[in-house]
Amino acid sequence: MKNSAFNVLLYSDGSQQAFSAAVYAANLLKSMPNMKLTIVQVQESNEGSMGTEYSWIDTWPVSPTSEWMKRVIESDSNVKNLYQDILSTTSSIFHERAKDVNHHVIYSNPSITDTVDALLEYAEKKHFKLIIMGTRGLTTLKGLIFGCLAHNVLNRSPIPVLLIKKLPQDFIDDFCLHLGS
């Protein structure tokens, strides 16, 4: 049982929160030799939840939102350099473990409920043991009022869900520092 694969689904929507989740997942991937990571993106479609396999290397990072990229581009050089270091470190880990990382697109109707259904259906069908996703850290009340994908997945999933908020600076510094180790 020690050598069995620990299948992890990383939900990515191109947001800053998803980027934090990807960095955290890369850190786990580096530490867990039996981990298999699938980066999942949900795209709008009226076709239901049929999926397509893609190579993560062709799409990483997955479609960063224009608001996030604008913040990075207009930031000072320290923020730009930090972003590049984090992206480089995360990509390096994914490259090192390329045989254990793949990318999958799920098609769903645009509502939160349909996206949650499609994501959980895929996760159960593929026997994932953990779902990792980013969150803005909304309170339960705000999540209920504004509709929060992470909150809905957390409450409805029969699979454990790890929600990642914005990573603290000391985690990022340590992550970038230990790329070579």
N, C-alpha and C. Protein backbone atom coordinates (compact mmCIF):
# COMPACT_ATOMS: atom_id res chain seq x y z
N MET A 1 0.81 -1.19 0.00
CA MET A 1 0.00 0.00 0.00
C MET A 1 0.86 1.26 0.00
N LYS A 2 2.12 1.16 0.46
CA LYS A 2 3.00 2.32 0.51
C LYS A 2 3.23 2.92 -0.87
N ASN A 3 3.31 2.11 -1.90
CA ASN A 3 3.63 2.58 -3.24
C ASN A 3 2.41 2.97 -4.07
N SER A 4 1.20 2.91 -3.51
CA SER A 4 0.02 3.26 -4.29
C SER A 4 -0.02 4.76 -4.52
N ALA A 5 -0.57 5.14 -5.66
CA ALA A 5 -0.62 6.55 -6.04
C ALA A 5 -1.60 7.32 -5.17
N PHE A 6 -1.20 8.51 -4.79
CA PHE A 6 -2.08 9.43 -4.07
C PHE A 6 -2.52 10.46 -5.10
N ASN A 7 -3.73 10.26 -5.65
CA ASN A 7 -4.24 11.10 -6.73
C ASN A 7 -4.85 12.39 -6.19
N VAL A 8 -4.32 13.52 -6.68
CA VAL A 8 -4.75 14.83 -6.22
C VAL A 8 -5.25 15.64 -7.41
N LEU A 9 -6.39 16.29 -7.22
CA LEU A 9 -6.96 17.18 -8.23
C LEU A 9 -6.68 18.61 -7.78
N LEU A 10 -6.08 19.40 -8.67
CA LEU A 10 -5.85 20.82 -8.42
C LEU A 10 -6.77 21.60 -9.34
N TYR A 11 -7.72 22.34 -8.76
CA TYR A 11 -8.62 23.16 -9.58
C TYR A 11 -7.93 24.48 -9.89
N SER A 12 -7.90 24.84 -11.17
CA SER A 12 -7.25 26.07 -11.60
C SER A 12 -8.17 26.88 -12.49
N ASP A 13 -8.38 28.14 -12.11
CA ASP A 13 -9.19 29.04 -12.95
C ASP A 13 -8.41 30.26 -13.40
N GLY A 14 -7.10 30.26 -13.19
CA GLY A 14 -6.26 31.37 -13.62
C GLY A 14 -6.24 32.54 -12.65
N SER A 15 -6.90 32.41 -11.51
CA SER A 15 -6.93 33.51 -10.54
C SER A 15 -5.69 33.49 -9.66
N GLN A 16 -5.50 34.57 -8.93
CA GLN A 16 -4.39 34.65 -7.99
C GLN A 16 -4.54 33.55 -6.92
N GLN A 17 -5.78 33.27 -6.52
CA GLN A 17 -6.04 32.23 -5.53
C GLN A 17 -5.65 30.85 -6.08
N ALA A 18 -5.95 30.61 -7.34
CA ALA A 18 -5.59 29.33 -7.97
C ALA A 18 -4.07 29.21 -8.07
N PHE A 19 -3.40 30.32 -8.29
CA PHE A 19 -1.94 30.31 -8.35
C PHE A 19 -1.35 29.91 -7.00
N SER A 20 -1.90 30.46 -5.91
CA SER A 20 -1.45 30.07 -4.57
C SER A 20 -1.67 28.57 -4.35
N ALA A 21 -2.81 28.07 -4.80
CA ALA A 21 -3.09 26.64 -4.66
C ALA A 21 -2.10 25.81 -5.48
N ALA A 22 -1.73 26.29 -6.66
CA ALA A 22 -0.77 25.58 -7.51
C ALA A 22 0.61 25.54 -6.85
N VAL A 23 1.01 26.64 -6.24
CA VAL A 23 2.29 26.68 -5.54
C VAL A 23 2.28 25.69 -4.39
N TYR A 24 1.18 25.66 -3.64
CA TYR A 24 1.08 24.73 -2.53
C TYR A 24 1.10 23.28 -3.03
N ALA A 25 0.37 23.02 -4.12
CA ALA A 25 0.35 21.67 -4.70
C ALA A 25 1.74 21.27 -5.19
N ALA A 26 2.48 22.19 -5.77
CA ALA A 26 3.85 21.90 -6.22
C ALA A 26 4.73 21.55 -5.03
N ASN A 27 4.54 22.25 -3.93
CA ASN A 27 5.30 21.96 -2.71
C ASN A 27 4.99 20.54 -2.21
N LEU A 28 3.72 20.16 -2.23
CA LEU A 28 3.33 18.79 -1.85
C LEU A 28 3.92 17.77 -2.82
N LEU A 29 3.85 18.09 -4.10
CA LEU A 29 4.36 17.18 -5.13
C LEU A 29 5.85 16.91 -4.92
N LYS A 30 6.58 17.95 -4.56
CA LYS A 30 8.02 17.80 -4.32
C LYS A 30 8.28 16.89 -3.12
N SER A 31 7.38 16.91 -2.14
CA SER A 31 7.58 16.16 -0.90
C SER A 31 6.98 14.76 -0.91
N MET A 32 6.08 14.49 -1.84
CA MET A 32 5.36 13.21 -1.84
C MET A 32 5.66 12.43 -3.11
N PRO A 33 6.55 11.43 -3.04
CA PRO A 33 6.93 10.68 -4.24
C PRO A 33 5.79 9.90 -4.88
N ASN A 34 4.74 9.57 -4.13
CA ASN A 34 3.64 8.78 -4.71
C ASN A 34 2.47 9.66 -5.17
N MET A 35 2.63 10.97 -5.13
CA MET A 35 1.55 11.87 -5.53
C MET A 35 1.45 11.97 -7.05
N LYS A 36 0.23 11.89 -7.55
CA LYS A 36 -0.09 12.12 -8.96
C LYS A 36 -1.04 13.31 -9.00
N LEU A 37 -0.67 14.34 -9.74
CA LEU A 37 -1.43 15.59 -9.76
C LEU A 37 -2.13 15.78 -11.09
N THR A 38 -3.41 16.11 -11.04
CA THR A 38 -4.16 16.48 -12.23
C THR A 38 -4.66 17.90 -12.04
N ILE A 39 -4.22 18.79 -12.92
CA ILE A 39 -4.67 20.18 -12.90
C ILE A 39 -5.93 20.25 -13.75
N VAL A 40 -7.03 20.67 -13.13
CA VAL A 40 -8.32 20.69 -13.81
C VAL A 40 -8.79 22.13 -14.00
N GLN A 41 -9.22 22.40 -15.20
CA GLN A 41 -9.79 23.70 -15.55
C GLN A 41 -11.22 23.43 -16.02
N VAL A 42 -12.16 24.28 -15.62
CA VAL A 42 -13.55 24.14 -16.07
C VAL A 42 -13.82 25.27 -17.05
N GLN A 43 -14.32 24.92 -18.24
CA GLN A 43 -14.68 25.91 -19.24
C GLN A 43 -16.17 25.86 -19.48
N GLU A 44 -16.72 27.01 -19.83
CA GLU A 44 -18.15 27.10 -20.10
C GLU A 44 -18.50 26.36 -21.37
N SER A 45 -19.61 25.65 -21.29
CA SER A 45 -20.11 24.93 -22.45
C SER A 45 -21.54 24.51 -22.18
N ASN A 46 -22.31 24.39 -23.20
CA ASN A 46 -23.65 23.86 -23.07
C ASN A 46 -23.67 22.38 -23.40
N GLU A 47 -22.49 21.79 -23.58
CA GLU A 47 -22.38 20.40 -23.98
C GLU A 47 -22.37 19.43 -22.81
N GLY A 48 -22.43 19.93 -21.58
CA GLY A 48 -22.35 19.03 -20.43
C GLY A 48 -20.93 18.91 -19.95
N SER A 49 -20.60 17.80 -19.28
CA SER A 49 -19.30 17.71 -18.62
C SER A 49 -18.34 16.77 -19.33
N MET A 50 -18.32 16.81 -20.65
CA MET A 50 -17.33 16.00 -21.37
C MET A 50 -15.98 16.69 -21.25
N GLY A 51 -14.93 15.93 -21.09
CA GLY A 51 -13.62 16.52 -20.86
C GLY A 51 -12.64 16.23 -21.97
N THR A 52 -11.55 16.97 -21.95
CA THR A 52 -10.49 16.82 -22.94
C THR A 52 -9.17 16.78 -22.20
N GLU A 53 -8.28 15.92 -22.63
CA GLU A 53 -6.94 15.86 -22.03
C GLU A 53 -6.03 16.89 -22.72
N TYR A 54 -5.26 17.59 -21.92
CA TYR A 54 -4.27 18.52 -22.44
C TYR A 54 -2.98 18.30 -21.67
N SER A 55 -1.89 18.69 -22.24
CA SER A 55 -0.63 18.67 -21.52
C SER A 55 -0.56 19.94 -20.69
N TRP A 56 -0.34 19.83 -19.40
CA TRP A 56 -0.27 21.00 -18.52
C TRP A 56 0.85 21.94 -18.95
N ILE A 57 1.88 21.39 -19.54
CA ILE A 57 3.04 22.20 -19.91
C ILE A 57 2.67 23.24 -20.98
N ASP A 58 1.66 22.94 -21.80
CA ASP A 58 1.24 23.87 -22.84
C ASP A 58 0.33 24.97 -22.31
N THR A 59 -0.19 24.81 -21.11
CA THR A 59 -1.20 25.76 -20.62
C THR A 59 -0.85 26.35 -19.26
N TRP A 60 0.33 26.10 -18.73
CA TRP A 60 0.66 26.61 -17.41
C TRP A 60 1.31 27.98 -17.52
N PRO A 61 0.95 28.99 -16.74
CA PRO A 61 -0.20 28.98 -15.86
C PRO A 61 -1.49 29.07 -16.68
N VAL A 62 -2.54 28.50 -16.18
CA VAL A 62 -3.79 28.42 -16.93
C VAL A 62 -4.47 29.78 -16.95
N SER A 63 -4.47 30.40 -18.10
CA SER A 63 -5.20 31.65 -18.36
C SER A 63 -5.31 32.61 -17.18
N PRO A 64 -4.21 33.24 -16.78
CA PRO A 64 -4.33 34.19 -15.67
C PRO A 64 -5.33 35.29 -16.02
N THR A 65 -6.13 35.70 -15.05
CA THR A 65 -7.13 36.73 -15.30
C THR A 65 -6.44 38.05 -15.62
N SER A 66 -7.10 38.87 -16.41
CA SER A 66 -6.50 40.14 -16.83
C SER A 66 -6.27 41.05 -15.63
N GLU A 67 -7.16 41.01 -14.64
CA GLU A 67 -7.00 41.85 -13.44
C GLU A 67 -5.73 41.47 -12.68
N TRP A 68 -5.49 40.17 -12.55
CA TRP A 68 -4.30 39.70 -11.84
C TRP A 68 -3.04 40.09 -12.61
N MET A 69 -3.02 39.85 -13.92
CA MET A 69 -1.85 40.18 -14.72
C MET A 69 -1.59 41.68 -14.70
N LYS A 70 -2.67 42.48 -14.72
CA LYS A 70 -2.51 43.93 -14.67
C LYS A 70 -1.82 44.33 -13.37
N ARG A 71 -2.22 43.71 -12.25
CA ARG A 71 -1.59 44.00 -10.97
C ARG A 71 -0.12 43.62 -10.98
N VAL A 72 0.21 42.49 -11.57
CA VAL A 72 1.60 42.04 -11.63
C VAL A 72 2.42 42.97 -12.52
N ILE A 73 1.88 43.30 -13.70
CA ILE A 73 2.61 44.15 -14.66
C ILE A 73 2.82 45.55 -14.11
N GLU A 74 1.80 46.10 -13.42
CA GLU A 74 1.91 47.47 -12.91
C GLU A 74 2.61 47.53 -11.55
N SER A 75 2.98 46.40 -11.00
CA SER A 75 3.63 46.37 -9.69
C SER A 75 5.08 46.80 -9.81
N ASP A 76 5.67 47.03 -8.65
CA ASP A 76 7.09 47.38 -8.66
C ASP A 76 7.92 46.16 -9.05
N SER A 77 9.19 46.41 -9.30
CA SER A 77 10.06 45.34 -9.80
C SER A 77 10.22 44.19 -8.80
N ASN A 78 10.14 44.48 -7.49
CA ASN A 78 10.24 43.41 -6.50
C ASN A 78 9.09 42.42 -6.62
N VAL A 79 7.87 42.92 -6.84
CA VAL A 79 6.70 42.05 -6.99
C VAL A 79 6.83 41.24 -8.28
N LYS A 80 7.26 41.88 -9.35
CA LYS A 80 7.45 41.18 -10.63
C LYS A 80 8.49 40.06 -10.48
N ASN A 81 9.59 40.38 -9.83
CA ASN A 81 10.65 39.38 -9.63
C ASN A 81 10.17 38.23 -8.76
N LEU A 82 9.41 38.55 -7.71
CA LEU A 82 8.88 37.51 -6.83
C LEU A 82 7.92 36.61 -7.61
N TYR A 83 7.04 37.21 -8.41
CA TYR A 83 6.11 36.42 -9.22
C TYR A 83 6.89 35.49 -10.15
N GLN A 84 7.92 36.01 -10.81
CA GLN A 84 8.72 35.20 -11.73
C GLN A 84 9.44 34.06 -10.98
N ASP A 85 9.95 34.35 -9.78
CA ASP A 85 10.61 33.31 -8.98
C ASP A 85 9.62 32.20 -8.62
N ILE A 86 8.43 32.59 -8.19
CA ILE A 86 7.42 31.60 -7.79
C ILE A 86 6.99 30.78 -9.00
N LEU A 87 6.74 31.45 -10.11
CA LEU A 87 6.33 30.76 -11.34
C LEU A 87 7.42 29.80 -11.80
N SER A 88 8.66 30.26 -11.77
CA SER A 88 9.79 29.44 -12.19
C SER A 88 9.95 28.21 -11.29
N THR A 89 9.85 28.42 -9.98
CA THR A 89 10.00 27.32 -9.04
C THR A 89 8.88 26.31 -9.21
N THR A 90 7.65 26.79 -9.31
CA THR A 90 6.50 25.90 -9.48
C THR A 90 6.62 25.12 -10.78
N SER A 91 6.96 25.79 -11.86
CA SER A 91 7.12 25.12 -13.16
C SER A 91 8.24 24.10 -13.11
N SER A 92 9.34 24.43 -12.43
CA SER A 92 10.46 23.48 -12.32
C SER A 92 10.03 22.20 -11.62
N ILE A 93 9.26 22.34 -10.56
CA ILE A 93 8.79 21.15 -9.85
C ILE A 93 7.87 20.34 -10.75
N PHE A 94 6.97 21.02 -11.47
CA PHE A 94 6.08 20.31 -12.38
C PHE A 94 6.88 19.62 -13.48
N HIS A 95 7.95 20.26 -13.98
CA HIS A 95 8.80 19.64 -15.00
C HIS A 95 9.53 18.42 -14.45
N GLU A 96 10.06 18.54 -13.24
CA GLU A 96 10.77 17.41 -12.61
C GLU A 96 9.87 16.19 -12.49
N ARG A 97 8.60 16.42 -12.22
CA ARG A 97 7.66 15.32 -12.00
C ARG A 97 6.65 15.23 -13.16
N ALA A 98 7.06 15.58 -14.36
CA ALA A 98 6.16 15.66 -15.51
C ALA A 98 5.32 14.40 -15.72
N LYS A 99 5.90 13.24 -15.44
CA LYS A 99 5.14 11.99 -15.63
C LYS A 99 4.02 11.86 -14.61
N ASP A 100 4.08 12.64 -13.53
CA ASP A 100 3.07 12.59 -12.47
C ASP A 100 2.09 13.76 -12.52
N VAL A 101 2.19 14.59 -13.56
CA VAL A 101 1.33 15.77 -13.66
C VAL A 101 0.65 15.77 -15.02
N ASN A 102 -0.67 15.96 -15.02
CA ASN A 102 -1.36 16.16 -16.28
C ASN A 102 -2.43 17.23 -16.13
N HIS A 103 -3.02 17.61 -17.22
CA HIS A 103 -3.99 18.70 -17.26
C HIS A 103 -5.25 18.19 -17.93
N HIS A 104 -6.39 18.60 -17.39
CA HIS A 104 -7.66 18.15 -17.94
C HIS A 104 -8.64 19.31 -17.94
N VAL A 105 -9.39 19.47 -19.02
CA VAL A 105 -10.42 20.49 -19.11
C VAL A 105 -11.78 19.81 -19.04
N ILE A 106 -12.63 20.32 -18.16
CA ILE A 106 -13.99 19.83 -18.02
C ILE A 106 -14.91 20.92 -18.55
N TYR A 107 -15.90 20.54 -19.32
CA TYR A 107 -16.85 21.50 -19.85
C TYR A 107 -18.12 21.47 -19.03
N SER A 108 -18.63 22.68 -18.69
CA SER A 108 -19.79 22.79 -17.82
C SER A 108 -20.59 24.03 -18.19
N ASN A 109 -21.84 24.05 -17.80
CA ASN A 109 -22.63 25.28 -17.90
C ASN A 109 -22.03 26.30 -16.95
N PRO A 110 -22.23 27.59 -17.19
CA PRO A 110 -21.50 28.61 -16.44
C PRO A 110 -21.94 28.82 -14.99
N SER A 111 -22.99 28.22 -14.51
CA SER A 111 -23.43 28.47 -13.13
C SER A 111 -22.52 27.77 -12.13
N ILE A 112 -22.45 28.32 -10.92
CA ILE A 112 -21.62 27.72 -9.87
C ILE A 112 -22.06 26.30 -9.59
N THR A 113 -23.38 26.08 -9.51
CA THR A 113 -23.90 24.74 -9.21
C THR A 113 -23.45 23.73 -10.25
N ASP A 114 -23.55 24.08 -11.54
CA ASP A 114 -23.13 23.16 -12.60
C ASP A 114 -21.63 22.92 -12.58
N THR A 115 -20.86 23.96 -12.27
CA THR A 115 -19.41 23.82 -12.19
C THR A 115 -19.03 22.88 -11.04
N VAL A 116 -19.67 23.06 -9.90
CA VAL A 116 -19.41 22.19 -8.75
C VAL A 116 -19.78 20.76 -9.10
N ASP A 117 -20.96 20.56 -9.71
CA ASP A 117 -21.39 19.21 -10.10
C ASP A 117 -20.37 18.55 -11.04
N ALA A 118 -19.93 19.30 -12.05
CA ALA A 118 -18.98 18.76 -13.04
C ALA A 118 -17.65 18.41 -12.37
N LEU A 119 -17.18 19.28 -11.51
CA LEU A 119 -15.90 19.07 -10.83
C LEU A 119 -15.97 17.84 -9.91
N LEU A 120 -17.03 17.75 -9.12
CA LEU A 120 -17.16 16.63 -8.18
C LEU A 120 -17.42 15.31 -8.91
N GLU A 121 -18.18 15.36 -9.99
CA GLU A 121 -18.43 14.15 -10.79
C GLU A 121 -17.11 13.62 -11.34
N TYR A 122 -16.30 14.51 -11.88
CA TYR A 122 -14.99 14.11 -12.42
C TYR A 122 -14.10 13.56 -11.31
N ALA A 123 -14.06 14.24 -10.16
CA ALA A 123 -13.20 13.83 -9.05
C ALA A 123 -13.58 12.44 -8.54
N GLU A 124 -14.87 12.18 -8.44
CA GLU A 124 -15.31 10.86 -7.97
C GLU A 124 -15.04 9.78 -9.01
N LYS A 125 -15.31 10.10 -10.27
CA LYS A 125 -15.12 9.13 -11.35
C LYS A 125 -13.65 8.70 -11.46
N LYS A 126 -12.75 9.64 -11.26
CA LYS A 126 -11.31 9.37 -11.40
C LYS A 126 -10.65 8.97 -10.07
N HIS A 127 -11.42 8.84 -9.02
CA HIS A 127 -10.96 8.34 -7.72
C HIS A 127 -9.86 9.20 -7.10
N PHE A 128 -10.06 10.52 -7.10
CA PHE A 128 -9.11 11.40 -6.44
C PHE A 128 -9.24 11.25 -4.93
N LYS A 129 -8.12 11.41 -4.24
CA LYS A 129 -8.11 11.30 -2.79
C LYS A 129 -8.12 12.68 -2.11
N LEU A 130 -7.85 13.74 -2.90
CA LEU A 130 -7.81 15.09 -2.36
C LEU A 130 -8.08 16.09 -3.48
N ILE A 131 -8.82 17.14 -3.15
CA ILE A 131 -9.05 18.26 -4.06
C ILE A 131 -8.38 19.48 -3.43
N ILE A 132 -7.55 20.17 -4.21
CA ILE A 132 -6.90 21.39 -3.76
C ILE A 132 -7.42 22.54 -4.60
N MET A 133 -7.82 23.61 -3.94
CA MET A 133 -8.26 24.79 -4.68
C MET A 133 -8.02 26.05 -3.85
N GLY A 134 -7.88 27.14 -4.55
CA GLY A 134 -7.68 28.42 -3.88
C GLY A 134 -9.00 29.03 -3.46
N THR A 135 -8.91 29.91 -2.48
CA THR A 135 -10.09 30.62 -2.01
C THR A 135 -9.70 32.04 -1.64
N ARG A 136 -10.65 32.94 -1.81
CA ARG A 136 -10.40 34.33 -1.43
C ARG A 136 -10.52 34.51 0.08
N GLY A 137 -11.01 33.49 0.76
CA GLY A 137 -11.13 33.58 2.22
C GLY A 137 -12.38 34.30 2.66
N LEU A 138 -13.44 34.23 1.85
CA LEU A 138 -14.70 34.85 2.26
C LEU A 138 -15.25 34.14 3.49
N THR A 139 -15.90 34.89 4.34
CA THR A 139 -16.56 34.26 5.47
C THR A 139 -17.72 33.42 4.95
N THR A 140 -18.21 32.54 5.78
CA THR A 140 -19.33 31.67 5.38
C THR A 140 -20.51 32.51 4.91
N LEU A 141 -20.82 33.58 5.62
CA LEU A 141 -21.96 34.43 5.25
C LEU A 141 -21.73 35.09 3.89
N LYS A 142 -20.56 35.67 3.69
CA LYS A 142 -20.26 36.29 2.39
C LYS A 142 -20.27 35.26 1.27
N GLY A 143 -19.73 34.07 1.55
CA GLY A 143 -19.73 33.00 0.56
C GLY A 143 -21.14 32.61 0.16
N LEU A 144 -22.04 32.55 1.14
CA LEU A 144 -23.43 32.21 0.85
C LEU A 144 -24.12 33.31 0.06
N ILE A 145 -23.84 34.56 0.40
CA ILE A 145 -24.48 35.69 -0.29
C ILE A 145 -23.95 35.85 -1.70
N PHE A 146 -22.64 35.84 -1.86
CA PHE A 146 -22.04 36.11 -3.16
C PHE A 146 -21.84 34.85 -4.00
N GLY A 147 -22.01 33.69 -3.42
CA GLY A 147 -21.79 32.45 -4.16
C GLY A 147 -20.29 32.19 -4.30
N CYS A 148 -19.83 31.18 -3.66
CA CYS A 148 -18.40 30.89 -3.65
C CYS A 148 -18.20 29.45 -4.10
N LEU A 149 -17.49 29.27 -5.19
CA LEU A 149 -17.24 27.93 -5.73
C LEU A 149 -16.55 27.05 -4.69
N ALA A 150 -15.50 27.57 -4.05
CA ALA A 150 -14.74 26.79 -3.08
C ALA A 150 -15.64 26.36 -1.91
N HIS A 151 -16.48 27.26 -1.43
CA HIS A 151 -17.38 26.95 -0.32
C HIS A 151 -18.35 25.83 -0.72
N ASN A 152 -18.87 25.90 -1.93
CA ASN A 152 -19.79 24.87 -2.41
C ASN A 152 -19.11 23.52 -2.57
N VAL A 153 -17.90 23.52 -3.13
CA VAL A 153 -17.16 22.27 -3.28
C VAL A 153 -16.87 21.67 -1.90
N LEU A 154 -16.40 22.50 -0.98
CA LEU A 154 -16.08 22.05 0.36
C LEU A 154 -17.29 21.39 1.03
N ASN A 155 -18.45 22.01 0.91
CA ASN A 155 -19.64 21.50 1.58
C ASN A 155 -20.27 20.29 0.91
N ARG A 156 -20.05 20.11 -0.38
CA ARG A 156 -20.71 19.03 -1.10
C ARG A 156 -19.81 17.84 -1.42
N SER A 157 -18.52 17.99 -1.27
CA SER A 157 -17.59 16.95 -1.69
C SER A 157 -17.50 15.79 -0.70
N PRO A 158 -17.59 14.57 -1.21
CA PRO A 158 -17.33 13.40 -0.36
C PRO A 158 -15.81 13.15 -0.23
N ILE A 159 -15.03 13.90 -1.01
CA ILE A 159 -13.57 13.78 -1.03
C ILE A 159 -13.01 14.93 -0.19
N PRO A 160 -11.96 14.72 0.59
CA PRO A 160 -11.37 15.83 1.35
C PRO A 160 -10.96 16.98 0.41
N VAL A 161 -11.20 18.21 0.88
CA VAL A 161 -10.89 19.42 0.11
C VAL A 161 -9.93 20.27 0.93
N LEU A 162 -8.83 20.67 0.31
CA LEU A 162 -7.85 21.55 0.94
C LEU A 162 -7.98 22.91 0.28
N LEU A 163 -8.43 23.92 1.05
CA LEU A 163 -8.58 25.27 0.53
C LEU A 163 -7.34 26.07 0.89
N ILE A 164 -6.78 26.75 -0.10
CA ILE A 164 -5.57 27.53 0.09
C ILE A 164 -5.89 29.01 -0.08
N LYS A 165 -5.62 29.78 0.97
CA LYS A 165 -5.75 31.23 0.88
C LYS A 165 -4.42 31.78 0.36
N LYS A 166 -4.34 33.08 0.23
CA LYS A 166 -3.09 33.69 -0.23
C LYS A 166 -1.95 33.20 0.65
N LEU A 167 -0.88 32.76 0.01
CA LEU A 167 0.25 32.19 0.75
C LEU A 167 1.00 33.28 1.52
N PRO A 168 1.39 32.97 2.75
CA PRO A 168 2.18 33.94 3.52
C PRO A 168 3.58 34.10 2.93
N GLN A 169 4.14 35.26 3.12
CA GLN A 169 5.43 35.58 2.54
C GLN A 169 6.53 34.61 2.96
N ASP A 170 6.51 34.15 4.21
CA ASP A 170 7.57 33.23 4.64
C ASP A 170 7.47 31.88 3.93
N PHE A 171 6.26 31.44 3.59
CA PHE A 171 6.10 30.20 2.82
C PHE A 171 6.68 30.40 1.42
N ILE A 172 6.36 31.53 0.79
CA ILE A 172 6.85 31.82 -0.56
C ILE A 172 8.38 31.90 -0.56
N ASP A 173 8.95 32.61 0.42
CA ASP A 173 10.41 32.74 0.51
C ASP A 173 11.07 31.37 0.66
N ASP A 174 10.53 30.55 1.55
CA ASP A 174 11.08 29.21 1.78
C ASP A 174 10.95 28.35 0.53
N PHE A 175 9.81 28.44 -0.12
CA PHE A 175 9.54 27.68 -1.34
C PHE A 175 10.57 28.01 -2.43
N CYS A 176 10.79 29.29 -2.68
CA CYS A 176 11.74 29.71 -3.70
C CYS A 176 13.19 29.39 -3.31
N LEU A 177 13.50 29.47 -2.04
CA LEU A 177 14.84 29.22 -1.55
C LEU A 177 15.25 27.77 -1.72
N HIS A 178 14.30 26.84 -1.59
CA HIS A 178 14.62 25.43 -1.58
C HIS A 178 14.37 24.72 -2.91
N LEU A 179 14.38 25.43 -4.00
CA LEU A 179 14.17 24.81 -5.30
C LEU A 179 15.19 23.71 -5.56
N GLY A 180 16.42 23.98 -5.29
CA GLY A 180 17.47 23.02 -5.61
C GLY A 180 17.58 21.86 -4.64
N SER A 181 16.95 21.93 -3.48
CA SER A 181 17.13 20.86 -2.50
C SER A 181 16.16 19.72 -2.65
